Amino acid sequence: MHFKMLIVFTEDDKTEAVMNAARETGATGATVINNARGEGVTRNKTFFGLSLDAQRDVLLFLVEERLSRRILEEISRVGRFDDQPG
């Protein structure tokens, strides 16, 4: 049996929806890391040196290779990763 690891950075308010979508398409669980920080192409905004970033979570899924594509597509759809930045 072969596995793939899916790593998802998402805003904390989308974590539950992404987890539910992954479960419905075959994932059996995940490791969630809270309060992660990521940086994109553009610099993050600050206010008097304080970051204005939203809290992010990192979800680590270890899934069967045959299910990975379907899970990834559903996570992307529910999280709206193609539609919105972040």
Protein backbone atom coordinates (compact mmCIF):
# COMPACT_ATOMS: atom_id res chain seq x y z
CA MET A 1 0.00 0.00 0.00
CA HIS A 2 1.34 3.45 -0.96
CA PHE A 3 0.58 6.71 0.80
CA LYS A 4 0.82 10.42 0.08
CA MET A 5 1.03 13.32 2.49
CA LEU A 6 -1.21 16.31 1.83
CA ILE A 7 -0.18 19.52 3.60
CA VAL A 8 -2.82 22.24 3.83
CA PHE A 9 -2.34 25.80 5.13
CA THR A 10 -5.73 27.32 5.82
CA GLU A 11 -7.32 30.08 7.84
CA ASP A 12 -8.57 28.81 11.17
CA ASP A 13 -12.21 29.51 10.30
CA LYS A 14 -11.98 27.08 7.34
CA THR A 15 -10.25 24.25 9.19
CA GLU A 16 -13.42 22.39 10.18
CA ALA A 17 -14.90 22.59 6.65
CA VAL A 18 -11.66 21.31 5.11
CA MET A 19 -11.48 18.47 7.65
CA ASN A 20 -15.08 17.46 6.94
CA ALA A 21 -14.50 17.51 3.17
CA ALA A 22 -11.41 15.34 3.54
CA ARG A 23 -13.26 12.83 5.73
CA GLU A 24 -16.16 12.60 3.29
CA THR A 25 -13.79 11.74 0.45
CA GLY A 26 -11.81 9.08 2.28
CA ALA A 27 -9.32 10.62 4.72
CA THR A 28 -9.38 8.93 8.10
CA GLY A 29 -7.81 11.73 10.14
CA ALA A 30 -5.22 14.49 10.23
CA THR A 31 -2.73 16.25 12.42
CA VAL A 32 -3.63 19.90 13.01
CA ILE A 33 -1.00 22.47 13.93
CA ASN A 34 -2.49 25.73 15.24
CA ASN A 35 -1.08 29.26 14.97
CA ALA A 36 1.15 28.67 11.96
CA ARG A 37 2.47 31.54 9.90
CA GLY A 38 3.09 31.58 6.17
CA GLU A 39 4.33 34.21 3.79
CA GLY A 40 3.35 34.75 0.19
CA VAL A 41 4.69 36.76 -2.71
CA THR A 42 3.54 40.07 -1.25
CA ARG A 43 4.75 41.35 2.11
CA ASN A 44 2.46 41.10 5.11
CA LYS A 45 0.89 44.30 6.39
CA THR A 46 1.90 45.59 9.78
CA PHE A 47 0.55 48.24 12.11
CA PHE A 48 3.20 49.72 14.40
CA GLY A 49 5.23 46.54 14.00
CA LEU A 50 2.32 44.19 14.78
CA SER A 51 1.32 41.70 12.12
CA LEU A 52 -2.23 41.94 10.75
CA ASP A 53 -2.27 38.35 9.49
CA ALA A 54 -5.15 36.02 10.19
CA GLN A 55 -4.40 32.93 12.23
CA ARG A 56 -3.62 29.90 10.10
CA ASP A 57 -3.71 26.19 10.76
CA VAL A 58 -1.62 23.50 9.10
CA LEU A 59 -3.36 20.21 8.40
CA LEU A 60 -1.28 17.12 7.66
CA PHE A 61 -3.13 14.28 5.96
CA LEU A 62 -1.54 10.88 5.30
CA VAL A 63 -3.84 9.21 2.78
CA GLU A 64 -3.82 6.24 0.44
CA GLU A 65 -2.31 7.17 -2.90
CA ARG A 66 -5.42 6.09 -4.82
CA LEU A 67 -7.56 8.56 -2.82
CA SER A 68 -5.15 11.49 -2.75
CA ARG A 69 -6.23 13.26 -5.94
CA ARG A 70 -9.93 13.16 -5.08
CA ILE A 71 -9.29 14.37 -1.51
CA LEU A 72 -7.03 17.18 -2.72
CA GLU A 73 -9.59 18.38 -5.26
CA GLU A 74 -12.39 18.39 -2.67
CA ILE A 75 -10.25 20.22 -0.11
CA SER A 76 -9.40 22.83 -2.73
CA ARG A 77 -13.06 23.28 -3.69
CA VAL A 78 -14.32 23.62 -0.10
CA GLY A 79 -11.46 25.87 0.99
CA ARG A 80 -11.85 27.99 -2.16
CA PHE A 81 -8.06 28.00 -2.57
CA ASP A 82 -8.31 28.78 -6.30
CA ASP A 83 -10.75 31.67 -5.77
CA GLN A 84 -9.30 33.58 -2.84
CA PRO A 85 -5.80 34.49 -1.67
CA GLY A 86 -4.58 32.92 1.55
